Amino acid sequence: YKYIDAVKDQVAAIKINIAFFEAVGMSDLFWACAEKAKEEGLFVIADVKRSDIGNTSKQYAKAFLLKESPIDAITINPYFGTDGVKPFIEMAKENDKCVFVLLKTSNPSSDEIQNLVTDDGEKVYQKVARLVDEWGKYTKCGWDEKYSLVGAVVGATHPVEAEELRRMLPNTFFLVPGYGAQGGKGADLVHFFNEDGLGAIINSSRGIIAAYQQEKYEAYGEANFAEASRKAVEDMK
């Protein structure tokens, strides 16, 4: 709560990774953080990377995307194809929520699968981009008619691919992880946005919440981690 209070007037959204709560048996705290962030007026993204066969995806969707949920958007995995993704999109549309499809992720080994070349010469991530466009054509989001409620995760560590994907997906909102701790630089981010300066949200996780561990902010100390986080946000902006 201290962390959210420290940055809530400086950021548009908060992304909460469920793994770090589940690993220590604190799923209730995950939901409490989501409720707190929603109460403070933030756009709440649950980083859950869910997907499965259709009937199981529907249950995952119910867990996060019901109308009364404090979650505004979740991350989903496209590996199962349309029938694994469709339940999330349908529930998001019904309840004014959004999804971010994993497209070109920020981790170093993402190329092992995402850059494989298919029979017609396109790479896997390009194929997924075309699916994202198709999935989003008739599902405009509630907060900006230009954009679909089907967004895409495009890592800050891939600026060249981002320029290509931005051209392919002008009506798709990008969630951009990988800035800061994973090596993404501010100068790399221009291609993630549309020409009007919109269309993407830049995510920094460890670089902000664990800022007190960096030499630049070590004077704050662990006890003042929230103040260090706020300063890191200001510097990032």
C-alpha atoms as a PDB file:
ATOM      1  CA  TYR A   1       0.000   0.000   0.000  1.00  0.00           C
ATOM      2  CA  LYS A   2       2.897   2.329   0.805  1.00  0.00           C
ATOM      3  CA  TYR A   3       4.292   1.738  -2.653  1.00  0.00           C
ATOM      4  CA  ILE A   4       0.978   2.474  -4.385  1.00  0.00           C
ATOM      5  CA  ASP A   5       0.482   5.630  -2.321  1.00  0.00           C
ATOM      6  CA  ALA A   6       3.986   6.811  -3.237  1.00  0.00           C
ATOM      7  CA  VAL A   7       3.528   6.582  -7.004  1.00  0.00           C
ATOM      8  CA  LYS A   8      -0.225   6.810  -7.619  1.00  0.00           C
ATOM      9  CA  ASP A   9      -0.155  10.433  -8.776  1.00  0.00           C
ATOM     10  CA  GLN A  10       2.805   9.836 -11.097  1.00  0.00           C
ATOM     11  CA  VAL A  11       1.699   6.775 -13.075  1.00  0.00           C
ATOM     12  CA  ALA A  12      -1.307   5.773 -15.170  1.00  0.00           C
ATOM     13  CA  ALA A  13      -1.336   2.069 -14.383  1.00  0.00           C
ATOM     14  CA  ILE A  14       0.046  -0.639 -12.169  1.00  0.00           C
ATOM     15  CA  LYS A  15       0.975  -4.144 -13.342  1.00  0.00           C
ATOM     16  CA  ILE A  16       0.818  -6.806 -10.643  1.00  0.00           C
ATOM     17  CA  ASN A  17       2.616 -10.096 -11.314  1.00  0.00           C
ATOM     18  CA  ILE A  18       0.646 -12.852  -9.612  1.00  0.00           C
ATOM     19  CA  ALA A  19       3.601 -15.287  -9.490  1.00  0.00           C
ATOM     20  CA  PHE A  20       5.326 -13.457  -6.654  1.00  0.00           C
ATOM     21  CA  PHE A  21       2.184 -13.694  -4.528  1.00  0.00           C
ATOM     22  CA  GLU A  22       1.315 -17.299  -5.360  1.00  0.00           C
ATOM     23  CA  ALA A  23       4.860 -18.471  -4.622  1.00  0.00           C
ATOM     24  CA  VAL A  24       4.542 -17.434  -0.972  1.00  0.00           C
ATOM     25  CA  GLY A  25       0.881 -18.335  -0.488  1.00  0.00           C
ATOM     26  CA  MET A  26      -0.321 -14.726  -0.506  1.00  0.00           C
ATOM     27  CA  SER A  27      -2.905 -14.655  -3.290  1.00  0.00           C
ATOM     28  CA  ASP A  28      -5.207 -12.676  -0.991  1.00  0.00           C
ATOM     29  CA  LEU A  29      -2.621  -9.901  -0.926  1.00  0.00           C
ATOM     30  CA  PHE A  30      -2.556  -9.871  -4.734  1.00  0.00           C
ATOM     31  CA  TRP A  31      -6.269  -9.098  -4.759  1.00  0.00           C
ATOM     32  CA  ALA A  32      -5.912  -6.572  -1.956  1.00  0.00           C
ATOM     33  CA  CYS A  33      -3.256  -4.719  -3.957  1.00  0.00           C
ATOM     34  CA  ALA A  34      -5.500  -4.762  -7.026  1.00  0.00           C
ATOM     35  CA  GLU A  35      -8.404  -3.350  -4.991  1.00  0.00           C
ATOM     36  CA  LYS A  36      -6.189  -0.647  -3.508  1.00  0.00           C
ATOM     37  CA  ALA A  37      -4.829   0.369  -6.921  1.00  0.00           C
ATOM     38  CA  LYS A  38      -8.336   0.485  -8.387  1.00  0.00           C
ATOM     39  CA  GLU A  39      -9.578   2.623  -5.498  1.00  0.00           C
ATOM     40  CA  GLU A  40      -6.739   5.065  -6.189  1.00  0.00           C
ATOM     41  CA  GLY A  41      -7.850   5.450  -9.795  1.00  0.00           C
ATOM     42  CA  LEU A  42      -5.097   3.435 -11.472  1.00  0.00           C
ATOM     43  CA  PHE A  43      -5.572   1.161 -14.479  1.00  0.00           C
ATOM     44  CA  VAL A  44      -4.908  -2.305 -13.036  1.00  0.00           C
ATOM     45  CA  ILE A  45      -3.110  -4.895 -15.164  1.00  0.00           C
ATOM     46  CA  ALA A  46      -2.830  -8.434 -13.803  1.00  0.00           C
ATOM     47  CA  ASP A  47       0.252 -10.135 -15.220  1.00  0.00           C
ATOM     48  CA  VAL A  48      -1.027 -13.708 -15.179  1.00  0.00           C
ATOM     49  CA  LYS A  49      -0.160 -15.018 -18.701  1.00  0.00           C
ATOM     50  CA  ARG A  50      -3.128 -17.397 -18.748  1.00  0.00           C
ATOM     51  CA  SER A  51      -4.384 -19.650 -21.542  1.00  0.00           C
ATOM     52  CA  ASP A  52      -5.532 -23.209 -22.147  1.00  0.00           C
ATOM     53  CA  ILE A  53      -8.081 -25.089 -24.233  1.00  0.00           C
ATOM     54  CA  GLY A  54     -11.335 -23.212 -24.616  1.00  0.00           C
ATOM     55  CA  ASN A  55     -13.358 -24.440 -21.647  1.00  0.00           C
ATOM     56  CA  THR A  56     -10.398 -23.976 -19.278  1.00  0.00           C
ATOM     57  CA  SER A  57      -9.620 -20.515 -20.664  1.00  0.00           C
ATOM     58  CA  LYS A  58     -13.218 -19.596 -19.866  1.00  0.00           C
ATOM     59  CA  GLN A  59     -12.608 -20.447 -16.217  1.00  0.00           C
ATOM     60  CA  TYR A  60      -9.371 -18.457 -16.154  1.00  0.00           C
ATOM     61  CA  ALA A  61     -11.276 -15.536 -17.662  1.00  0.00           C
ATOM     62  CA  LYS A  62     -13.910 -15.767 -14.929  1.00  0.00           C
ATOM     63  CA  ALA A  63     -11.187 -15.594 -12.300  1.00  0.00           C
ATOM     64  CA  PHE A  64     -10.030 -12.151 -13.456  1.00  0.00           C
ATOM     65  CA  LEU A  65     -12.439 -10.508 -15.895  1.00  0.00           C
ATOM     66  CA  LEU A  66     -15.857 -10.491 -14.261  1.00  0.00           C
ATOM     67  CA  LYS A  67     -17.544  -7.094 -14.084  1.00  0.00           C
ATOM     68  CA  GLU A  68     -16.913  -6.693 -10.349  1.00  0.00           C
ATOM     69  CA  SER A  69     -13.207  -7.538 -10.585  1.00  0.00           C
ATOM     70  CA  PRO A  70     -10.745  -4.728  -9.765  1.00  0.00           C
ATOM     71  CA  ILE A  71      -8.647  -5.954 -12.697  1.00  0.00           C
ATOM     72  CA  ASP A  72      -8.903  -3.889 -15.897  1.00  0.00           C
ATOM     73  CA  ALA A  73      -6.684  -6.068 -18.080  1.00  0.00           C
ATOM     74  CA  ILE A  74      -4.755  -9.326 -18.000  1.00  0.00           C
ATOM     75  CA  THR A  75      -1.903 -10.798 -20.011  1.00  0.00           C
ATOM     76  CA  ILE A  76      -2.710 -13.941 -22.007  1.00  0.00           C
ATOM     77  CA  ASN A  77      -0.703 -16.491 -23.996  1.00  0.00           C
ATOM     78  CA  PRO A  78      -1.675 -17.073 -27.664  1.00  0.00           C
ATOM     79  CA  TYR A  79      -0.026 -20.507 -27.929  1.00  0.00           C
ATOM     80  CA  PHE A  80      -3.374 -22.355 -27.963  1.00  0.00           C
ATOM     81  CA  GLY A  81      -4.681 -20.297 -30.865  1.00  0.00           C
ATOM     82  CA  THR A  82      -8.088 -18.731 -31.354  1.00  0.00           C
ATOM     83  CA  ASP A  83     -10.166 -21.165 -29.283  1.00  0.00           C
ATOM     84  CA  GLY A  84      -7.852 -20.627 -26.308  1.00  0.00           C
ATOM     85  CA  VAL A  85      -7.955 -16.827 -26.652  1.00  0.00           C
ATOM     86  CA  LYS A  86     -11.600 -16.274 -27.593  1.00  0.00           C
ATOM     87  CA  PRO A  87     -13.069 -16.847 -24.084  1.00  0.00           C
ATOM     88  CA  PHE A  88     -10.873 -14.065 -22.680  1.00  0.00           C
ATOM     89  CA  ILE A  89     -11.851 -11.643 -25.437  1.00  0.00           C
ATOM     90  CA  GLU A  90     -15.551 -12.425 -25.104  1.00  0.00           C
ATOM     91  CA  MET A  91     -15.548 -11.863 -21.355  1.00  0.00           C
ATOM     92  CA  ALA A  92     -13.423  -8.729 -21.673  1.00  0.00           C
ATOM     93  CA  LYS A  93     -15.877  -7.301 -24.202  1.00  0.00           C
ATOM     94  CA  GLU A  94     -18.862  -8.195 -22.035  1.00  0.00           C
ATOM     95  CA  ASN A  95     -17.403  -6.594 -18.907  1.00  0.00           C
ATOM     96  CA  ASP A  96     -15.458  -3.593 -20.292  1.00  0.00           C
ATOM     97  CA  LYS A  97     -12.051  -5.168 -19.664  1.00  0.00           C
ATOM     98  CA  CYS A  98      -8.964  -5.655 -21.846  1.00  0.00           C
ATOM     99  CA  VAL A  99      -6.389  -8.331 -22.653  1.00  0.00           C
ATOM    100  CA  PHE A 100      -2.735  -8.073 -23.641  1.00  0.00           C
ATOM    101  CA  VAL A 101      -1.585 -10.930 -25.873  1.00  0.00           C
ATOM    102  CA  LEU A 102       2.051 -12.023 -25.547  1.00  0.00           C
ATOM    103  CA  LEU A 103       3.549 -11.051 -28.902  1.00  0.00           C
ATOM    104  CA  LYS A 104       7.297 -10.230 -28.732  1.00  0.00           C
ATOM    105  CA  THR A 105       8.397 -10.736 -25.165  1.00  0.00           C
ATOM    106  CA  SER A 106      11.369  -9.030 -23.536  1.00  0.00           C
ATOM    107  CA  ASN A 107      13.280 -12.102 -22.309  1.00  0.00           C
ATOM    108  CA  PRO A 108      16.573 -13.009 -24.069  1.00  0.00           C
ATOM    109  CA  SER A 109      15.486 -16.442 -25.331  1.00  0.00           C
ATOM    110  CA  SER A 110      12.172 -15.275 -26.810  1.00  0.00           C
ATOM    111  CA  ASP A 111      13.734 -15.608 -30.282  1.00  0.00           C
ATOM    112  CA  GLU A 112      13.906 -19.400 -29.883  1.00  0.00           C
ATOM    113  CA  ILE A 113      10.199 -19.651 -30.680  1.00  0.00           C
ATOM    114  CA  GLN A 114       8.948 -16.202 -31.595  1.00  0.00           C
ATOM    115  CA  ASN A 115      11.476 -15.681 -34.416  1.00  0.00           C
ATOM    116  CA  LEU A 116      11.085 -19.095 -36.046  1.00  0.00           C
ATOM    117  CA  VAL A 117      10.388 -18.745 -39.769  1.00  0.00           C
ATOM    118  CA  THR A 118       7.195 -20.351 -41.070  1.00  0.00           C
ATOM    119  CA  ASP A 119       6.670 -21.959 -44.476  1.00  0.00           C
ATOM    120  CA  ASP A 120       5.639 -18.699 -46.149  1.00  0.00           C
ATOM    121  CA  GLY A 121       8.656 -16.790 -44.841  1.00  0.00           C
ATOM    122  CA  GLU A 122       6.971 -14.947 -41.992  1.00  0.00           C
ATOM    123  CA  LYS A 123       8.185 -15.307 -38.421  1.00  0.00           C
ATOM    124  CA  VAL A 124       5.984 -16.661 -35.660  1.00  0.00           C
ATOM    125  CA  TYR A 125       5.629 -13.275 -33.932  1.00  0.00           C
ATOM    126  CA  GLN A 126       4.475 -11.757 -37.240  1.00  0.00           C
ATOM    127  CA  LYS A 127       1.821 -14.456 -37.535  1.00  0.00           C
ATOM    128  CA  VAL A 128       0.683 -13.738 -33.985  1.00  0.00           C
ATOM    129  CA  ALA A 129       0.545 -10.017 -34.803  1.00  0.00           C
ATOM    130  CA  ARG A 130      -1.865 -10.745 -37.663  1.00  0.00           C
ATOM    131  CA  LEU A 131      -4.019 -12.783 -35.292  1.00  0.00           C
ATOM    132  CA  VAL A 132      -3.991  -9.969 -32.728  1.00  0.00           C
ATOM    133  CA  ASP A 133      -5.194  -7.591 -35.425  1.00  0.00           C
ATOM    134  CA  GLU A 134      -7.937 -10.004 -36.478  1.00  0.00           C
ATOM    135  CA  TRP A 135      -9.024 -10.706 -32.886  1.00  0.00           C
ATOM    136  CA  GLY A 136      -9.279  -7.002 -32.183  1.00  0.00           C
ATOM    137  CA  LYS A 137     -11.099  -5.771 -35.276  1.00  0.00           C
ATOM    138  CA  TYR A 138     -14.575  -5.794 -33.766  1.00  0.00           C
ATOM    139  CA  THR A 139     -13.734  -5.202 -30.118  1.00  0.00           C
ATOM    140  CA  LYS A 140     -13.090  -1.525 -29.446  1.00  0.00           C
ATOM    141  CA  CYS A 141     -12.091  -0.700 -25.899  1.00  0.00           C
ATOM    142  CA  GLY A 142     -14.258   1.474 -23.704  1.00  0.00           C
ATOM    143  CA  TRP A 143     -11.689   4.204 -23.020  1.00  0.00           C
ATOM    144  CA  ASP A 144     -10.551   5.117 -26.563  1.00  0.00           C
ATOM    145  CA  GLU A 145     -12.454   4.218 -29.722  1.00  0.00           C
ATOM    146  CA  LYS A 146      -9.243   4.124 -31.770  1.00  0.00           C
ATOM    147  CA  TYR A 147      -7.905   1.110 -29.923  1.00  0.00           C
ATOM    148  CA  SER A 148      -9.057  -2.470 -29.637  1.00  0.00           C
ATOM    149  CA  LEU A 149      -9.542  -4.126 -26.266  1.00  0.00           C
ATOM    150  CA  VAL A 150      -7.036  -6.712 -27.562  1.00  0.00           C
ATOM    151  CA  GLY A 151      -3.603  -5.301 -26.819  1.00  0.00           C
ATOM    152  CA  ALA A 152      -0.145  -6.790 -27.295  1.00  0.00           C
ATOM    153  CA  VAL A 153       2.932  -7.296 -25.126  1.00  0.00           C
ATOM    154  CA  VAL A 154       5.988  -6.017 -27.010  1.00  0.00           C
ATOM    155  CA  GLY A 155       9.254  -5.922 -25.081  1.00  0.00           C
ATOM    156  CA  ALA A 156      11.350  -2.767 -24.855  1.00  0.00           C
ATOM    157  CA  THR A 157      14.386  -4.921 -25.653  1.00  0.00           C
ATOM    158  CA  HIS A 158      13.157  -5.330 -29.256  1.00  0.00           C
ATOM    159  CA  PRO A 159      13.000  -1.792 -30.733  1.00  0.00           C
ATOM    160  CA  VAL A 160      13.525  -2.923 -34.341  1.00  0.00           C
ATOM    161  CA  GLU A 161      10.647  -5.399 -34.211  1.00  0.00           C
ATOM    162  CA  ALA A 162       8.559  -2.808 -32.378  1.00  0.00           C
ATOM    163  CA  GLU A 163       8.835  -0.371 -35.290  1.00  0.00           C
ATOM    164  CA  GLU A 164       7.572  -3.083 -37.635  1.00  0.00           C
ATOM    165  CA  LEU A 165       4.786  -4.169 -35.270  1.00  0.00           C
ATOM    166  CA  ARG A 166       3.648  -0.582 -34.729  1.00  0.00           C
ATOM    167  CA  ARG A 167       3.113  -0.258 -38.483  1.00  0.00           C
ATOM    168  CA  MET A 168       1.224  -3.556 -38.560  1.00  0.00           C
ATOM    169  CA  LEU A 169      -0.941  -2.755 -35.547  1.00  0.00           C
ATOM    170  CA  PRO A 170      -1.857   0.960 -35.464  1.00  0.00           C
ATOM    171  CA  ASN A 171      -5.052   0.242 -33.474  1.00  0.00           C
ATOM    172  CA  THR A 172      -3.444  -2.074 -30.923  1.00  0.00           C
ATOM    173  CA  PHE A 173      -2.326  -0.798 -27.539  1.00  0.00           C
ATOM    174  CA  PHE A 174       1.146  -2.039 -26.571  1.00  0.00           C
ATOM    175  CA  LEU A 175       2.183  -3.083 -23.079  1.00  0.00           C
ATOM    176  CA  VAL A 176       5.953  -2.634 -23.076  1.00  0.00           C
ATOM    177  CA  PRO A 177       7.932  -4.528 -20.415  1.00  0.00           C
ATOM    178  CA  GLY A 178      11.719  -4.681 -20.278  1.00  0.00           C
ATOM    179  CA  TYR A 179      12.537  -1.027 -19.615  1.00  0.00           C
ATOM    180  CA  GLY A 180      15.230  -0.505 -16.989  1.00  0.00           C
ATOM    181  CA  ALA A 181      16.367  -3.698 -15.253  1.00  0.00           C
ATOM    182  CA  GLN A 182      16.067  -5.817 -18.417  1.00  0.00           C
ATOM    183  CA  GLY A 183      18.039  -3.359 -20.511  1.00  0.00           C
ATOM    184  CA  GLY A 184      15.432  -1.367 -22.433  1.00  0.00           C
ATOM    185  CA  LYS A 185      16.487   2.268 -22.923  1.00  0.00           C
ATOM    186  CA  GLY A 186      14.386   5.398 -23.155  1.00  0.00           C
ATOM    187  CA  ALA A 187      15.753   6.189 -26.615  1.00  0.00           C
ATOM    188  CA  ASP A 188      14.465   2.831 -27.857  1.00  0.00           C
ATOM    189  CA  LEU A 189      10.853   3.565 -26.963  1.00  0.00           C
ATOM    190  CA  VAL A 190       9.843   6.047 -29.668  1.00  0.00           C
ATOM    191  CA  HIS A 191       8.801   3.302 -32.102  1.00  0.00           C
ATOM    192  CA  PHE A 192       6.397   1.722 -29.633  1.00  0.00           C
ATOM    193  CA  PHE A 193       4.055   4.713 -29.852  1.00  0.00           C
ATOM    194  CA  ASN A 194       1.881   5.969 -32.682  1.00  0.00           C
ATOM    195  CA  GLU A 195       2.696   9.299 -34.317  1.00  0.00           C
ATOM    196  CA  ASP A 196       0.319  11.070 -31.919  1.00  0.00           C
ATOM    197  CA  GLY A 197       2.434   9.885 -28.978  1.00  0.00           C
ATOM    198  CA  LEU A 198      -0.227   7.418 -27.808  1.00  0.00           C
ATOM    199  CA  GLY A 199      -0.726   3.671 -28.032  1.00  0.00           C
ATOM    200  CA  ALA A 200       1.701   2.252 -25.473  1.00  0.00           C
ATOM    201  CA  ILE A 201       2.352   1.991 -21.774  1.00  0.00           C
ATOM    202  CA  ILE A 202       5.944   1.522 -20.642  1.00  0.00           C
ATOM    203  CA  ASN A 203       6.437  -0.849 -17.734  1.00  0.00           C
ATOM    204  CA  SER A 204       9.271  -0.787 -15.227  1.00  0.00           C
ATOM    205  CA  SER A 205       9.003  -3.287 -12.375  1.00  0.00           C
ATOM    206  CA  ARG A 206      12.226  -3.961 -10.484  1.00  0.00           C
ATOM    207  CA  GLY A 207      13.610  -0.615 -11.600  1.00  0.00           C
ATOM    208  CA  ILE A 208      10.941   1.134  -9.541  1.00  0.00           C
ATOM    209  CA  ILE A 209       9.741  -1.147  -6.753  1.00  0.00           C
ATOM    210  CA  ALA A 210      13.309  -2.199  -5.908  1.00  0.00           C
ATOM    211  CA  ALA A 211      14.912   1.155  -6.650  1.00  0.00           C
ATOM    212  CA  TYR A 212      16.388   1.393  -3.141  1.00  0.00           C
ATOM    213  CA  GLN A 213      18.715  -1.504  -4.070  1.00  0.00           C
ATOM    214  CA  GLN A 214      20.324   0.538  -6.845  1.00  0.00           C
ATOM    215  CA  GLU A 215      23.435   2.577  -6.113  1.00  0.00           C
ATOM    216  CA  LYS A 216      21.673   5.685  -7.397  1.00  0.00           C
ATOM    217  CA  TYR A 217      19.024   5.447  -4.665  1.00  0.00           C
ATOM    218  CA  GLU A 218      20.817   3.544  -1.913  1.00  0.00           C
ATOM    219  CA  ALA A 219      20.809   6.593   0.357  1.00  0.00           C
ATOM    220  CA  TYR A 220      17.058   6.081   0.860  1.00  0.00           C
ATOM    221  CA  GLY A 221      17.608   2.671   2.475  1.00  0.00           C
ATOM    222  CA  GLU A 222      15.161  -0.218   2.612  1.00  0.00           C
ATOM    223  CA  ALA A 223      12.961   1.501   5.210  1.00  0.00           C
ATOM    224  CA  ASN A 224      12.279   4.300   2.727  1.00  0.00           C
ATOM    225  CA  PHE A 225      11.770   2.056  -0.310  1.00  0.00           C
ATOM    226  CA  ALA A 226       8.558   3.877  -1.255  1.00  0.00           C
ATOM    227  CA  GLU A 227      10.286   7.252  -1.426  1.00  0.00           C
ATOM    228  CA  ALA A 228      13.043   5.693  -3.543  1.00  0.00           C
ATOM    229  CA  SER A 229      10.367   4.271  -5.846  1.00  0.00           C
ATOM    230  CA  ARG A 230       8.758   7.660  -6.298  1.00  0.00           C
ATOM    231  CA  LYS A 231      12.100   9.233  -7.187  1.00  0.00           C
ATOM    232  CA  ALA A 232      12.748   6.416  -9.698  1.00  0.00           C
ATOM    233  CA  VAL A 233       9.375   7.088 -11.345  1.00  0.00           C
ATOM    234  CA  GLU A 234      10.165  10.799 -11.591  1.00  0.00           C
ATOM    235  CA  ASP A 235      13.549  10.028 -13.145  1.00  0.00           C
ATOM    236  CA  MET A 236      11.977   7.552 -15.587  1.00  0.00           C
ATOM    237  CA  LYS A 237       9.432  10.107 -16.740  1.00  0.00           C
END
